[in-house]
Amino acid sequence: MVLKIMIAAGFTVISGVALAAEPVVGTWKTETGEISVIDRCGASYCIVAKSGQYAGQKIGSFTKSAEAYTGRITDPRNKATYSGKLTVEGDSLKLKGCATDVLCKTQTWTRDK
């Protein structure tokens, strides 16, 4: 009986670590100093502005691919939506939004601790 409880507890810890280990999830400071949060929303990861003029607005939705997260990002100033890519390196997130294959802009966000 004790062995079954220990095994169940072990699986619970392992599954919790796997969920928490997703590097994109967290609170991020944008280049303009505003705060956005990236968290799970169904099978995707959503970006929600948490401070500034657009606080509370969902501004992106991404799914995990091999080396990055791909999806759509919306500029809340003009409501234009672009294809996007997120890559995380430590406490740095690169957000790339593209109107076409050659018209892209990249921002670097930092993890807000």
Protein backbone atom coordinates (compact mmCIF):
# COMPACT_ATOMS: atom_id res chain seq x y z
CA MET A 1 0.00 0.00 0.00
CA VAL A 2 2.79 2.41 0.91
CA LEU A 3 4.55 1.59 -2.36
CA LYS A 4 1.41 2.49 -4.35
CA ILE A 5 1.14 5.84 -2.56
CA MET A 6 4.81 6.59 -3.21
CA ILE A 7 4.46 5.73 -6.91
CA ALA A 8 1.33 7.89 -7.23
CA ALA A 9 3.08 10.77 -5.47
CA GLY A 10 6.08 10.39 -7.78
CA PHE A 11 3.89 10.60 -10.90
CA THR A 12 2.15 13.67 -9.48
CA VAL A 13 5.47 15.43 -8.90
CA ILE A 14 6.79 14.47 -12.35
CA SER A 15 3.66 15.67 -14.15
CA GLY A 16 3.71 18.93 -12.17
CA VAL A 17 7.34 19.54 -13.10
CA ALA A 18 6.59 18.86 -16.78
CA LEU A 19 3.78 21.41 -16.77
CA ALA A 20 5.81 24.03 -14.93
CA ALA A 21 8.86 23.55 -17.15
CA GLU A 22 7.32 25.24 -20.22
CA PRO A 23 9.71 28.20 -20.66
CA VAL A 24 7.28 30.56 -22.39
CA VAL A 25 4.82 30.60 -19.47
CA GLY A 26 5.25 33.56 -17.19
CA THR A 27 5.16 37.31 -16.77
CA TRP A 28 7.14 39.34 -19.31
CA LYS A 29 8.21 42.98 -19.51
CA THR A 30 7.86 44.37 -23.04
CA GLU A 31 10.29 46.76 -24.71
CA THR A 32 8.01 49.64 -23.70
CA GLY A 33 8.07 48.55 -20.03
CA GLU A 34 4.52 47.21 -19.96
CA ILE A 35 3.70 43.78 -18.56
CA SER A 36 2.21 40.86 -20.49
CA VAL A 37 1.44 37.36 -19.23
CA ILE A 38 1.78 34.18 -21.27
CA ASP A 39 -0.17 31.19 -20.00
CA ARG A 40 -1.93 28.07 -21.21
CA CYS A 41 -5.33 28.57 -22.83
CA GLY A 42 -6.59 25.21 -23.98
CA ALA A 43 -4.05 23.59 -26.32
CA SER A 44 -2.36 26.96 -26.98
CA TYR A 45 -0.45 29.64 -25.10
CA CYS A 46 -2.12 33.05 -24.93
CA ILE A 47 -0.57 36.46 -24.39
CA VAL A 48 -2.64 38.91 -22.35
CA ALA A 49 -1.59 42.52 -21.71
CA LYS A 50 -1.59 43.11 -17.94
CA SER A 51 -0.58 46.75 -17.74
CA GLY A 52 -0.79 49.89 -19.81
CA GLN A 53 -3.54 51.17 -22.07
CA TYR A 54 -4.46 47.70 -23.37
CA ALA A 55 -4.52 45.84 -20.04
CA GLY A 56 -6.82 42.84 -20.10
CA GLN A 57 -6.71 42.37 -23.88
CA LYS A 58 -5.61 39.09 -25.41
CA ILE A 59 -2.92 40.01 -27.92
CA GLY A 60 -1.62 36.62 -29.07
CA SER A 61 -2.16 32.90 -29.37
CA PHE A 62 0.66 30.42 -30.03
CA THR A 63 1.24 26.68 -30.21
CA LYS A 64 4.49 24.91 -29.49
CA SER A 65 6.47 23.67 -32.47
CA ALA A 66 9.87 21.98 -32.59
CA GLU A 67 12.08 24.88 -31.49
CA ALA A 68 9.70 27.77 -30.94
CA TYR A 69 6.07 28.77 -30.55
CA THR A 70 4.18 29.84 -33.66
CA GLY A 71 0.85 31.60 -34.00
CA ARG A 72 -0.74 35.01 -34.31
CA ILE A 73 0.02 38.33 -32.61
CA THR A 74 -2.25 41.37 -32.65
CA ASP A 75 -1.02 44.95 -32.39
CA PRO A 76 -3.57 46.38 -29.93
CA ARG A 77 -3.01 49.93 -31.25
CA ASN A 78 -4.51 49.23 -34.67
CA LYS A 79 -5.93 45.69 -34.23
CA ALA A 80 -3.75 44.38 -37.08
CA THR A 81 -2.90 40.70 -36.74
CA TYR A 82 0.39 39.18 -37.88
CA SER A 83 1.92 35.74 -38.03
CA GLY A 84 4.27 35.35 -35.10
CA LYS A 85 7.02 33.33 -33.57
CA LEU A 86 8.22 33.21 -29.96
CA THR A 87 11.60 31.89 -28.89
CA VAL A 88 12.82 31.76 -25.30
CA GLU A 89 16.44 31.85 -24.21
CA GLY A 90 16.73 31.96 -20.42
CA ASP A 91 14.96 35.09 -19.18
CA SER A 92 14.71 36.59 -22.68
CA LEU A 93 11.82 36.14 -25.11
CA LYS A 94 12.07 37.13 -28.76
CA LEU A 95 8.71 37.91 -30.33
CA LYS A 96 8.77 38.15 -34.12
CA GLY A 97 5.70 39.39 -35.98
CA CYS A 98 5.47 39.30 -39.77
CA ALA A 99 2.99 40.92 -42.17
CA THR A 100 4.65 38.99 -45.05
CA ASP A 101 7.65 36.69 -45.26
CA VAL A 102 9.99 39.68 -45.56
CA LEU A 103 8.19 42.40 -43.56
CA CYS A 104 8.95 41.39 -39.98
CA LYS A 105 9.69 43.12 -36.70
CA THR A 106 11.25 41.55 -33.63
CA GLN A 107 10.95 42.64 -30.02
CA THR A 108 12.86 41.30 -27.04
CA TRP A 109 10.96 40.91 -23.79
CA THR A 110 12.50 40.07 -20.42
CA ARG A 111 11.07 37.85 -17.72
CA ASP A 112 9.52 39.94 -14.96
CA LYS A 113 10.52 38.44 -11.62
